[in-house]
Protein backbone atom coordinates (compact mmCIF):
# COMPACT_ATOMS: atom_id res chain seq x y z
CA MET A 1 110.50 189.72 196.09
CA PHE A 2 111.22 186.24 194.75
CA ASP A 3 107.78 185.88 193.21
CA PHE A 4 108.45 188.93 191.04
CA SER A 5 111.82 187.61 189.86
CA LYS A 6 110.16 184.30 189.00
CA THR A 7 107.43 186.02 186.98
CA LEU A 8 110.00 188.16 185.18
CA PHE A 9 112.15 185.09 184.41
CA TYR A 10 109.30 183.23 182.71
CA LEU A 11 108.18 186.38 180.90
CA LYS A 12 111.70 186.81 179.46
CA LYS A 13 111.80 183.14 178.58
CA GLY A 14 108.52 183.41 176.69
CA VAL A 15 109.65 186.53 174.80
CA ALA A 16 112.96 184.83 173.93
CA ALA A 17 111.10 181.82 172.56
CA VAL A 18 108.92 184.04 170.33
CA LEU A 19 111.93 186.03 169.09
CA SER A 20 113.78 182.81 168.35
CA VAL A 21 110.92 181.52 166.20
CA ILE A 22 110.66 184.85 164.36
CA LEU A 23 114.40 184.89 163.71
CA LEU A 24 114.49 181.34 162.44
CA THR A 25 111.39 181.82 160.28
CA SER A 26 112.84 184.97 158.78
CA ALA A 27 116.16 183.30 158.06
CA ALA A 28 114.47 180.26 156.56
CA SER A 29 112.88 182.42 153.84
CA SER A 30 116.32 182.70 152.18
CA GLY A 31 116.12 179.17 150.81
CA SER A 32 116.09 175.48 151.63
CA ASN A 33 119.69 175.56 152.83
CA TRP A 34 119.14 178.78 154.70
CA TRP A 35 121.57 177.88 157.45
CA ILE A 36 124.61 177.83 155.13
CA THR A 37 123.91 179.31 151.69
CA ASP A 38 124.10 183.04 152.37
CA SER A 39 127.73 184.15 152.60
CA LYS A 40 127.32 187.90 152.09
CA PHE A 41 129.51 190.25 154.09
CA SER A 42 127.30 192.32 156.34
CA VAL A 43 127.25 193.93 159.74
CA SER A 44 125.44 191.75 162.27
CA TYR A 45 122.55 193.62 163.84
CA HIS A 46 122.34 191.76 167.11
CA GLY A 47 124.65 191.18 170.04
CA CYS A 48 127.84 193.03 170.92
CA ARG A 49 130.45 194.03 168.35
CA ASP A 50 133.94 195.38 168.78
CA SER A 51 133.94 196.73 165.22
CA ILE A 52 131.27 197.76 162.72
CA PHE A 53 133.20 195.78 160.11
CA SER A 54 132.71 192.47 161.91
CA VAL A 55 129.95 190.07 160.95
CA TYR A 56 130.44 188.22 164.22
CA SER A 57 128.44 189.07 167.33
CA TYR A 58 129.12 187.91 170.86
CA SER A 59 127.75 188.10 174.34
CA PHE A 60 129.03 186.97 177.73
CA ALA A 61 126.67 185.24 180.16
CA ASP A 62 126.59 184.69 183.91
CA SER A 63 127.68 181.26 185.09
CA THR A 64 124.13 180.27 186.05
CA GLU A 65 122.68 181.00 182.61
CA LYS A 66 122.06 178.30 180.00
CA ILE A 67 122.20 179.59 176.43
CA ASN A 68 121.13 177.26 173.65
CA SER A 69 121.97 177.58 169.97
CA THR A 70 118.61 179.09 168.96
CA ALA A 71 118.11 181.75 171.63
CA PRO A 72 118.38 185.46 170.83
CA LEU A 73 121.89 186.62 171.63
CA GLY A 74 122.37 188.80 174.69
CA ARG A 75 124.14 192.16 174.79
CA LYS A 76 126.70 191.66 177.55
CA SER A 77 129.95 193.04 176.12
CA ASN A 78 132.15 192.54 179.17
CA GLN A 79 132.46 190.12 182.03
CA THR A 80 134.38 189.96 185.28
CA VAL A 81 134.77 186.61 187.01
CA TYR A 82 135.35 186.74 190.77
CA LEU A 83 136.98 183.89 192.65
CA ALA A 84 139.14 183.17 195.67
CA LYS A 85 142.47 181.45 195.82
CA GLY A 86 142.27 177.68 195.52
CA GLU A 87 139.07 177.36 193.49
CA GLY A 88 137.68 177.37 189.96
CA GLU A 89 135.05 179.55 188.30
CA TYR A 90 134.07 180.03 184.68
CA ALA A 91 132.81 182.47 182.11
CA GLN A 92 130.58 181.76 179.13
CA ILE A 93 130.75 183.48 175.78
CA ALA A 94 128.31 182.97 172.90
CA ILE A 95 129.45 183.75 169.34
CA ARG A 96 127.07 184.22 166.43
CA SER A 97 127.03 185.38 162.83
CA LYS A 98 124.08 186.65 160.84
CA TYR A 99 125.57 184.96 157.78
CA TYR A 100 127.28 181.65 157.13
CA ARG A 101 130.99 182.03 157.80
CA GLY A 102 132.23 178.44 157.33
CA ASN A 103 135.59 177.84 159.01
CA SER A 104 135.83 179.94 162.15
CA PHE A 105 138.01 179.98 165.24
CA ILE A 106 138.10 181.01 168.88
CA SER A 107 141.21 181.50 171.00
CA VAL A 108 141.75 182.61 174.57
CA GLY A 109 144.91 184.58 175.24
CA GLU A 110 147.01 184.32 178.35
CA MET A 111 145.22 185.40 181.52
CA THR A 112 147.72 187.78 183.14
CA ASN A 113 147.94 190.63 185.62
CA ALA A 114 150.04 193.80 185.34
CA ALA A 115 153.06 192.03 186.82
CA GLY A 116 152.89 189.21 184.29
CA ASP A 117 151.54 186.56 186.68
CA LYS A 118 149.33 184.02 184.91
CA LEU A 119 146.17 182.08 185.68
CA GLU A 120 145.41 178.68 184.23
CA THR A 121 142.50 178.62 181.78
CA GLU A 122 140.74 175.79 179.96
CA LEU A 123 138.46 176.04 176.92
CA TYR A 124 135.33 173.95 176.40
CA TRP A 125 132.43 174.05 173.99
CA GLU A 126 128.97 173.36 175.29
CA TYR A 127 127.32 170.39 173.61
CA GLU A 128 123.52 170.34 173.66
CA THR A 129 121.21 167.56 174.73
CA GLU A 130 117.47 167.11 174.31
CA ALA A 131 115.27 167.69 177.35
CA SER A 132 111.84 168.98 178.17
CA ASP A 133 110.57 171.39 180.78
CA GLY A 134 107.05 170.09 180.24
CA THR A 135 106.18 172.40 177.35
CA GLY A 136 108.01 170.46 174.64
CA PHE A 137 111.48 169.30 173.71
CA GLU A 138 114.28 171.83 173.66
CA LEU A 139 118.04 171.70 173.41
CA TYR A 140 119.99 172.50 176.55
CA PRO A 141 123.76 172.95 176.89
CA ASP A 142 125.18 170.33 179.23
CA ALA A 143 128.24 168.33 178.14
CA LEU A 144 131.49 170.31 178.28
CA VAL A 145 133.76 169.01 175.55
CA PRO A 146 137.41 170.03 176.07
CA VAL A 147 138.87 171.64 172.96
CA SER A 148 142.24 172.95 171.90
CA ASN A 149 143.10 176.63 172.23
CA PRO A 150 142.68 177.96 169.55
CA TYR A 151 139.76 175.87 168.33
CA ASN A 152 138.38 175.76 164.79
CA PHE A 153 134.68 175.24 164.14
CA ARG A 154 132.14 175.60 161.34
CA CYS A 155 129.97 178.67 161.89
CA LEU A 156 126.42 178.37 160.57
CA LYS A 157 124.22 181.43 160.24
CA GLU A 158 121.97 182.65 163.06
CA THR A 159 123.34 180.01 165.45
CA ASN A 160 124.89 180.54 168.86
CA TYR A 161 128.18 178.80 169.55
CA VAL A 162 128.67 178.79 173.29
CA PHE A 163 132.06 178.30 174.90
CA LEU A 164 133.01 177.95 178.53
CA ILE A 165 136.30 179.33 179.79
CA LYS A 166 137.30 177.83 183.12
CA ILE A 167 139.70 179.77 185.33
CA LYS A 168 141.66 178.04 188.07
CA THR A 169 143.58 179.46 190.99
CA THR A 170 145.86 177.90 193.61
CA ALA A 171 146.80 178.80 197.16
CA GLU A 172 149.84 180.60 195.73
CA THR A 173 147.91 182.72 193.22
CA LYS A 174 148.55 186.44 193.57
CA PRO A 175 145.31 188.29 194.39
CA GLY A 176 144.15 191.17 192.21
CA ASP A 177 143.02 191.81 188.66
CA TYR A 178 143.78 189.72 185.58
CA SER A 179 142.54 189.84 182.01
CA ALA A 180 142.68 187.91 178.75
CA THR A 181 141.65 188.67 175.19
CA ILE A 182 139.23 186.28 173.53
CA SER A 183 139.67 186.37 169.76
CA PHE A 184 137.27 184.87 167.23
CA GLY A 185 136.48 185.16 163.56
CA SER A 186 136.84 183.34 160.27
CA ALA A 187 139.77 181.06 159.52
CA GLY A 188 141.12 180.22 156.08
CA ALA A 189 142.07 176.74 154.99
CA ASN A 190 145.74 177.76 155.33
CA GLY A 191 145.21 178.72 158.95
CA ASN A 192 145.22 182.46 158.33
CA LYS A 193 142.71 184.45 160.35
CA HIS A 194 140.27 186.86 158.71
CA GLU A 195 137.61 189.24 160.05
CA THR A 196 139.02 188.84 163.55
CA SER A 197 136.92 190.14 166.44
CA SER A 198 137.78 190.22 170.12
CA ALA A 199 136.34 190.51 173.61
CA LYS A 200 138.01 191.13 176.95
CA LEU A 201 137.50 188.78 179.88
CA ASN A 202 138.41 190.16 183.31
CA VAL A 203 139.11 188.17 186.45
CA HIS A 204 139.43 189.39 190.03
CA VAL A 205 141.08 187.07 192.56
CA TRP A 206 140.07 187.79 196.14
CA ASN A 207 142.75 187.81 198.78
CA PHE A 208 141.53 184.78 200.69
CA GLU A 209 141.63 181.04 200.15
CA VAL A 210 138.73 178.61 200.15
CA SER A 211 139.27 176.56 203.28
CA GLU A 212 139.35 172.80 202.69
CA SER A 213 137.76 172.36 206.11
CA ASP A 214 134.69 174.30 204.92
CA ILE A 215 134.06 172.06 201.89
CA MET A 216 131.05 169.96 202.80
CA ARG A 217 130.97 166.18 203.02
CA THR A 218 129.67 164.54 199.86
CA ALA A 219 128.78 160.98 198.84
CA VAL A 220 128.00 160.34 195.18
CA GLY A 221 127.68 157.08 193.29
CA LEU A 222 130.17 156.16 190.55
CA SER A 223 129.51 152.76 189.00
CA LYS A 224 132.64 150.85 187.98
CA SER A 225 130.48 148.13 186.40
CA LEU A 226 128.80 150.66 184.08
CA ILE A 227 132.16 152.11 183.09
CA ASN A 228 133.48 148.64 182.34
CA ALA A 229 130.36 147.58 180.41
CA LEU A 230 130.23 150.67 178.22
CA TYR A 231 133.91 150.86 177.33
CA LYS A 232 134.20 147.10 176.73
CA ALA A 233 131.28 147.37 174.30
CA PHE A 234 132.89 150.10 172.21
CA ASP A 235 136.61 149.43 172.65
CA MET A 236 137.19 145.73 172.12
CA ASP A 237 140.92 146.07 172.81
CA ILE A 238 140.61 147.76 176.19
CA THR A 239 142.47 145.98 179.00
CA ASN A 240 141.54 145.54 182.64
CA GLU A 241 144.40 147.86 183.59
CA GLN A 242 143.01 150.54 181.28
CA LEU A 243 139.53 150.08 182.76
CA GLN A 244 140.97 150.53 186.23
CA GLN A 245 142.70 153.70 185.10
CA LEU A 246 139.42 154.94 183.60
CA TYR A 247 137.68 154.52 186.95
CA ILE A 248 140.49 156.53 188.52
CA ASP A 249 140.05 159.23 185.82
CA TYR A 250 136.33 159.48 186.60
CA TYR A 251 136.97 159.43 190.35
CA GLU A 252 139.61 162.16 190.04
CA MET A 253 137.28 164.32 187.93
CA MET A 254 134.75 164.17 190.73
CA LEU A 255 137.39 165.02 193.33
CA ASP A 256 138.44 168.00 191.20
CA HIS A 257 134.83 169.17 191.51
CA ASN A 258 134.74 168.86 195.33
CA ILE A 259 132.85 165.56 195.27
CA SER A 260 133.74 162.27 196.98
CA CYS A 261 132.37 159.08 195.44
CA TYR A 262 131.11 156.07 197.36
CA ASP A 263 133.83 153.64 196.30
CA LEU A 264 137.56 154.24 196.46
CA PRO A 265 139.58 153.26 193.37
CA TYR A 266 141.11 150.39 195.36
CA SER A 267 139.98 148.07 198.12
CA ILE A 268 140.39 149.50 201.61
CA LEU A 269 142.82 146.63 202.31
CA ASP A 270 144.97 147.56 199.31
CA SER A 271 147.93 149.78 200.26
CA ARG A 272 147.22 151.91 197.18
CA ALA A 273 143.98 153.06 198.86
CA ASP A 274 145.96 154.73 201.66
CA ALA A 275 146.83 157.81 199.61
CA TYR A 276 143.17 158.38 198.72
CA MET A 277 141.98 157.92 202.30
CA SER A 278 144.59 160.49 203.39
CA ASP A 279 143.75 162.94 200.58
CA PRO A 280 142.08 166.03 202.10
CA ARG A 281 139.83 166.25 199.03
CA VAL A 282 138.32 162.86 199.94
CA LYS A 283 135.73 163.74 202.55
CA SER A 284 134.12 160.31 202.77
CA PHE A 285 134.20 156.77 201.43
CA CYS A 286 131.88 153.81 201.74
CA VAL A 287 132.96 150.63 203.54
CA PRO A 288 131.62 147.60 201.60
CA TYR A 289 129.01 145.95 203.79
CA THR A 290 129.58 142.24 204.29
CA GLU A 291 128.32 139.69 206.78
CA ASN A 292 131.67 137.94 206.63
CA GLU A 293 132.87 139.06 210.04
CA SER A 294 136.48 138.24 209.31
CA THR A 295 136.60 140.60 206.31
CA LEU A 296 134.72 143.34 208.15
CA ARG A 297 137.11 143.13 211.09
CA GLN A 298 140.06 143.43 208.70
CA TYR A 299 138.54 146.67 207.40
CA TYR A 300 138.05 147.91 210.94
CA ASP A 301 141.51 146.90 212.13
CA LYS A 302 143.15 148.86 209.31
CA LEU A 303 140.98 151.97 209.53
CA SER A 304 141.07 152.16 213.33
CA GLN A 305 144.84 152.66 213.14
CA ASN A 306 144.20 156.08 211.56
CA GLU A 307 141.60 158.40 213.10
CA GLU A 308 141.28 160.45 209.90
CA TRP A 309 140.47 157.36 207.83
CA LEU A 310 138.00 156.05 210.38
CA ALA A 311 136.20 159.41 210.53
CA LYS A 312 135.69 159.39 206.75
CA ALA A 313 134.38 155.81 206.60
CA TYR A 314 130.64 155.04 206.54
CA PHE A 315 128.28 152.20 205.63
CA TYR A 316 125.38 152.36 203.17
CA PRO A 317 123.81 148.86 203.13
CA ILE A 318 120.13 149.75 202.75
CA ASP A 319 118.28 152.50 200.90
CA GLU A 320 114.94 154.22 201.52
CA PRO A 321 113.33 151.67 203.89
CA LYS A 322 109.54 151.89 203.99
CA THR A 323 108.01 148.43 204.41
CA GLN A 324 107.94 146.21 207.51
CA GLU A 325 110.27 143.76 205.81
CA GLN A 326 112.79 146.49 204.95
CA LEU A 327 112.72 147.91 208.47
CA ASP A 328 113.17 144.46 210.01
CA ARG A 329 116.22 144.00 207.80
CA TYR A 330 117.42 147.47 208.76
CA VAL A 331 117.32 146.63 212.47
CA GLU A 332 119.10 143.33 211.79
CA ILE A 333 121.92 145.14 209.91
CA THR A 334 122.39 147.84 212.53
CA ASN A 335 122.45 145.31 215.40
CA TYR A 336 125.14 143.38 213.54
CA LEU A 337 127.25 146.50 212.91
CA SER A 338 126.91 147.56 216.56
CA ARG A 339 128.50 144.27 217.57
CA VAL A 340 131.23 144.09 214.92
CA TRP A 341 132.20 147.75 214.34
CA PRO A 342 132.26 149.92 217.51
CA GLY A 343 131.08 153.46 216.80
CA TYR A 344 130.19 152.70 213.15
CA LYS A 345 128.82 155.44 210.90
CA MET A 346 125.95 154.63 208.57
CA VAL A 347 123.75 156.57 206.17
CA THR A 348 120.24 155.44 205.24
CA PRO A 349 118.54 157.90 202.87
CA PHE A 350 114.76 158.06 203.21
CA CYS A 351 112.11 159.54 200.91
CA ALA A 352 109.25 159.05 203.39
CA ASP A 353 109.40 159.82 207.09
CA LYS A 354 106.24 157.93 208.03
CA THR A 355 106.76 154.34 206.89
CA GLU A 356 104.25 151.59 206.07
CA ALA A 357 105.37 149.66 209.15
CA VAL A 358 103.94 149.79 212.70
CA ASP A 359 105.38 148.94 216.10
CA ALA A 360 104.05 146.37 218.58
CA GLN A 361 101.41 148.83 219.79
CA GLY A 362 100.21 149.52 216.24
CA ASN A 363 101.77 152.98 216.07
CA ALA A 364 103.33 154.21 212.84
CA ILE A 365 107.12 153.97 212.60
CA TYR A 366 109.01 157.07 211.45
CA ASN A 367 112.43 156.94 209.84
CA SER A 368 113.52 160.07 211.69
CA ILE A 369 112.86 158.23 214.97
CA ILE A 370 113.79 154.59 214.32
CA GLN A 371 117.14 155.58 212.79
CA THR A 372 118.24 157.41 215.94
CA ASN A 373 121.58 155.98 217.13
CA LYS A 374 121.45 153.47 214.27
CA SER A 375 122.00 155.53 211.12
CA THR A 376 124.27 158.17 212.59
CA ILE A 377 124.21 160.16 209.33
CA ILE A 378 120.70 161.56 208.92
CA CYS A 379 119.74 161.83 205.23
CA PRO A 380 116.21 162.76 204.10
CA VAL A 381 115.30 163.82 200.57
CA THR A 382 115.06 167.61 200.54
CA TYR A 383 111.28 167.98 200.15
CA LEU A 384 110.62 166.15 203.45
CA ILE A 385 111.86 169.28 205.22
CA ASN A 386 108.54 170.87 204.24
CA ASP A 387 106.32 167.82 203.87
CA SER A 388 106.91 165.93 207.12
CA VAL A 389 105.50 167.82 210.11
CA GLY A 390 107.85 167.85 213.10
CA MET A 391 110.62 165.95 211.32
CA LEU A 392 113.05 168.87 211.08
CA ASP A 393 112.91 169.47 214.85
CA ARG A 394 113.66 165.79 215.45
CA LEU A 395 116.60 165.91 213.05
CA TYR A 396 118.03 169.03 214.66
CA GLN A 397 117.82 167.31 218.04
CA ARG A 398 119.72 164.34 216.68
CA GLN A 399 122.26 166.72 215.16
CA ALA A 400 122.68 168.42 218.55
CA ASN A 401 123.40 164.98 220.02
CA GLY A 402 126.34 164.51 217.66
CA GLU A 403 124.83 162.87 214.57
CA GLU A 404 125.54 164.24 211.10
CA PHE A 405 122.79 165.84 209.01
CA TRP A 406 122.96 165.27 205.23
CA TRP A 407 120.28 165.44 202.56
CA TYR A 408 119.84 164.24 199.00
CA VAL A 409 118.01 164.70 195.72
CA CYS A 410 117.27 162.16 192.97
CA CYS A 411 114.26 161.91 190.62
CA GLY A 412 112.59 163.84 193.42
CA PRO A 413 111.85 166.54 194.20
CA ARG A 414 109.98 166.28 190.90
CA PRO A 415 110.79 168.71 188.10
CA ASN A 416 107.23 170.06 188.14
CA SER A 417 107.75 171.34 191.71
CA ASP A 418 109.43 174.53 192.92
CA TYR A 419 112.24 172.69 194.68
CA CYS A 420 115.83 172.98 193.48
CA ASN A 421 117.44 169.94 191.87
CA LEU A 422 120.08 168.94 189.31
CA PHE A 423 117.91 168.48 186.21
CA VAL A 424 119.21 169.45 182.77
CA GLN A 425 116.12 171.54 181.96
CA PHE A 426 116.42 173.64 185.12
CA PRO A 427 118.06 177.06 184.87
CA GLY A 428 121.51 176.93 186.39
CA PHE A 429 120.61 178.89 189.50
CA ARG A 430 118.20 176.12 190.56
CA THR A 431 121.18 173.80 190.87
CA ARG A 432 123.63 176.21 192.48
CA ILE A 433 121.15 177.70 194.96
CA LEU A 434 120.49 174.21 196.36
CA PHE A 435 123.80 174.53 198.21
CA TRP A 436 122.93 177.97 199.60
CA GLN A 437 119.79 176.33 200.97
CA GLN A 438 121.95 173.59 202.43
CA TYR A 439 123.83 176.18 204.44
CA ASP A 440 120.54 177.84 205.43
CA TYR A 441 119.22 174.58 206.93
CA ASN A 442 122.57 173.67 208.56
CA VAL A 443 122.87 170.51 206.47
CA THR A 444 126.52 169.48 206.36
CA GLY A 445 126.55 166.76 203.69
CA PHE A 446 125.14 166.02 200.24
CA LEU A 447 124.33 162.61 198.72
CA PHE A 448 123.44 161.78 195.12
CA TRP A 449 122.78 158.24 193.98
CA SER A 450 124.82 158.14 190.77
CA SER A 451 127.04 160.24 188.53
CA ASN A 452 127.24 157.87 185.54
CA TYR A 453 123.88 156.14 185.11
CA TRP A 454 123.98 156.05 181.30
CA TYR A 455 120.56 154.78 180.31
CA THR A 456 120.26 153.76 176.64
CA GLY A 457 116.55 153.03 176.44
CA SER A 458 117.29 149.50 175.23
CA PRO A 459 116.90 146.26 177.20
CA THR A 460 120.00 144.91 175.43
CA GLY A 461 122.06 147.85 176.62
CA TRP A 462 124.96 148.82 174.39
CA GLU A 463 123.74 148.62 170.80
CA VAL A 464 125.59 150.51 168.07
CA ASN A 465 123.80 153.82 168.54
CA ALA A 466 123.76 153.72 172.34
CA LEU A 467 126.46 156.36 172.66
CA THR A 468 124.53 158.72 170.40
CA LYS A 469 121.44 158.21 172.58
CA ILE A 470 123.38 158.98 175.74
CA TRP A 471 124.80 162.18 174.28
CA ARG A 472 121.62 163.31 172.50
CA ASN A 473 118.98 162.67 175.14
CA SER A 474 119.58 163.18 178.84
CA ARG A 475 116.50 161.34 180.11
CA THR A 476 117.91 158.55 182.22
CA THR A 477 115.26 157.26 184.62
CA GLU A 478 112.34 156.71 182.26
CA PHE A 479 110.80 154.26 184.71
CA THR A 480 109.81 157.17 186.96
CA GLY A 481 107.36 158.52 184.40
CA TYR A 482 108.68 162.03 185.02
CA ASP A 483 110.85 164.38 183.01
CA THR A 484 113.91 163.59 185.10
CA TYR A 485 116.54 164.65 182.57
CA GLY A 486 120.04 164.21 183.90
CA ASP A 487 118.99 162.35 187.05
CA GLY A 488 121.76 159.91 187.91
CA PHE A 489 124.45 161.20 185.60
CA LEU A 490 126.74 164.18 185.82
CA MET A 491 129.44 163.09 183.36
CA TYR A 492 129.38 161.91 179.75
CA PRO A 493 131.41 158.99 178.38
CA GLY A 494 134.11 160.07 175.96
CA VAL A 495 134.96 156.97 173.92
CA LYS A 496 137.98 156.73 171.65
CA GLY A 497 136.90 156.98 168.00
CA PHE A 498 133.39 158.22 168.83
CA SER A 499 132.36 161.28 166.81
CA LEU A 500 129.95 163.94 167.92
CA GLU A 501 128.16 164.31 164.63
CA SER A 502 127.50 167.68 163.06
CA ARG A 503 123.83 168.57 163.05
CA ARG A 504 121.89 171.78 163.20
CA PHE A 505 121.79 173.29 166.70
CA LEU A 506 123.67 170.38 168.24
CA SER A 507 127.37 170.54 167.54
CA LEU A 508 129.93 172.83 166.02
CA SER A 509 131.77 170.41 163.81
CA GLU A 510 132.90 166.84 163.55
CA TYR A 511 134.59 166.12 166.86
CA GLU A 512 136.21 162.74 167.41
CA PHE A 513 137.57 161.58 170.75
CA ASP A 514 141.18 160.49 170.50
CA ARG A 515 141.11 158.66 173.83
CA ASN A 516 138.76 157.21 176.43
CA MET A 517 137.93 159.88 178.98
CA PRO A 518 135.28 161.35 181.28
CA VAL A 519 133.56 164.52 180.06
CA SER A 520 132.26 167.04 182.57
CA SER A 521 128.88 168.77 182.38
CA LEU A 522 127.58 172.25 183.04
CA ARG A 523 125.62 170.78 185.96
CA LEU A 524 128.76 169.27 187.49
CA GLU A 525 130.42 172.68 187.33
CA LEU A 526 127.37 174.28 188.97
CA ILE A 527 127.42 171.68 191.76
CA SER A 528 131.14 172.23 192.34
CA ASP A 529 130.67 176.00 192.47
CA GLY A 530 127.67 175.60 194.76
CA ILE A 531 129.78 173.54 197.16
CA GLU A 532 132.36 176.35 197.13
CA ASP A 533 129.55 178.87 197.76
CA TYR A 534 128.65 176.81 200.83
CA ALA A 535 132.27 177.14 201.98
CA TYR A 536 132.07 180.93 201.43
CA LEU A 537 128.99 181.09 203.65
CA LYS A 538 130.68 179.06 206.39
CA MET A 539 133.72 181.35 206.24
CA ALA A 540 131.52 184.46 206.30
CA GLU A 541 129.65 183.19 209.35
CA ARG A 542 132.94 182.99 211.26
CA LEU A 543 134.33 186.29 209.97
CA ILE A 544 131.35 188.67 209.80
CA GLY A 545 128.81 186.86 211.97
CA LYS A 546 125.67 184.84 211.33
CA ASP A 547 123.32 187.82 211.08
CA LYS A 548 125.29 189.57 208.33
CA THR A 549 125.78 186.30 206.48
CA ASP A 550 122.07 185.55 206.64
CA LYS A 551 121.30 189.03 205.31
CA ILE A 552 123.28 188.24 202.15
CA LEU A 553 121.75 184.76 202.00
CA SER A 554 118.25 186.24 202.13
CA LYS A 555 118.86 187.97 198.80
CA VAL A 556 119.23 184.53 197.21
CA THR A 557 116.80 182.25 199.07
CA SER A 558 114.36 182.33 201.98
CA ASP A 559 113.32 178.67 202.05
CA LEU A 560 113.34 175.56 199.85
CA THR A 561 110.76 176.80 197.37
CA HIS A 562 111.41 180.54 197.38
CA TYR A 563 114.57 181.92 195.81
CA THR A 564 115.66 184.43 193.22
CA TYR A 565 115.11 183.69 189.53
CA SER A 566 117.54 186.45 188.56
CA ASP A 567 121.04 185.43 187.44
CA SER A 568 122.32 188.95 188.12
CA THR A 569 120.83 189.05 191.62
CA PHE A 570 122.56 185.77 192.41
CA ALA A 571 125.87 187.00 190.97
CA ASN A 572 125.65 190.25 192.94
CA ALA A 573 124.94 188.42 196.20
CA ARG A 574 127.97 186.17 195.67
CA LEU A 575 130.08 189.27 194.90
CA GLU A 576 128.89 190.90 198.12
CA LEU A 577 129.71 187.71 200.03
CA GLY A 578 133.24 187.46 198.61
CA ASN A 579 133.96 191.14 199.23
CA ALA A 580 132.79 190.83 202.82
CA ILE A 581 135.04 187.81 203.43
CA GLU A 582 138.03 189.59 201.88
CA ARG A 583 137.55 192.72 204.02
CA ALA A 584 137.17 190.66 207.19
CA SER A 585 140.23 188.54 206.34
CA LYS A 586 142.65 191.50 206.40
């Protein structure tokens, strides 16, 4: 079943690539400035139209699709977004014109139901970055730049302009059907609208709420030092107070996407940290490891006064131990913590189960064994589930004994494998399905090493064009030698005064940031939605039973390397899941 969907996916991708080349070659024959010179009024022959008099075409897309500026436009004329109370989902719409239209606009009307109740919406345009799937460089939508509603842009010919409309609900949102009109067309210099076209976006809110208790534990890196270094380099007047607020802005953006970062905005001993440690969105936080016993005991004394805080706290002093020296240090650290911090929690991610070290009898040492009762949060990289014989049974036994079971991804599993990961060049379903697989394997937490590793490709770091490099090319970890685009960063740095330059297939118009701010990505939205999918599956298991839940799950994935390559199949399975939860909730 999944093999066929995979074959069909790559067949469609190949056909789309050929059609894109034909379209561009045909358009180029009109002259050297083919992308702007032809301003004839004509009916567009591709995509969906609401009127034969409109030169604009449009198409909606499922949330897991990635549509770049050169792809043939789809023919999806309507879209319904399904979501529960207390979550966010989004729709994508691509707008295109066969001819150069110059100043154009898009606006999203109020999202209302028949009674006049409203949903909050936000408008973003999808900024493209360079990446490669191994066959050559392409442009992939990733950064989500927040824009005003309505938004004016310069419409080139035969170019897709892709916008994301995010819909948010609260616990108080009335369930039922909502809709909004999306208008787009040409805009005169005086602001008057001409050749206006429209599309209808529908939203259905299920009559149940995403349970906060079903949102999985997460632990993701957010480097304050990188934030400080980048913004100091490009905003000479920035103050320490403003840098602190920026870290909070980045931290809050992650929380809004169901993700807890390693480091709280304030020291655990600072009273301002109390509100974050009590925040139900904060599922975990890292206790700074120190061998100053006095400081460590101060941390413990404060946290032990609040069971909720203590349950969220964990240590992460060593990463991926493999050598004898690393394992000796590991044992030293865990012995120390056992003495100083009763019942400590610790995570030690490992990318190899069998280490290079041996015990006194010359037997190989395995991470899944030596970490028992030492690292009480189990955390292998995902591919070890398949690659390490017997490891999964050992981990399940540890889980049955009360230890937590997390997993992680990074530059591995490699992009040339069939495993799901967070890479820019992966279709969106390969990011979102990762969290369906997490439910399938009863893994209750997710770790990712960094959300803001902005690699510039320069040993000196922040030269003048470093920001352009970060935004244009998403390859961060070049030292791996693999096409790990997007590994280590999920947000882009919006820097006051920085302009996203106008260039073919990359941006809509000159866009200048008027303040320092974090910018989300399509991948961050997919991760957030995947975490909410995990919560759906947990709710369904309680309400309709494990067997029925697994039956729906099986339509999406059967194991770590076999899953659907069909966006519509994924969307239909999620719809079936939500409907089942709603029926069982009555």
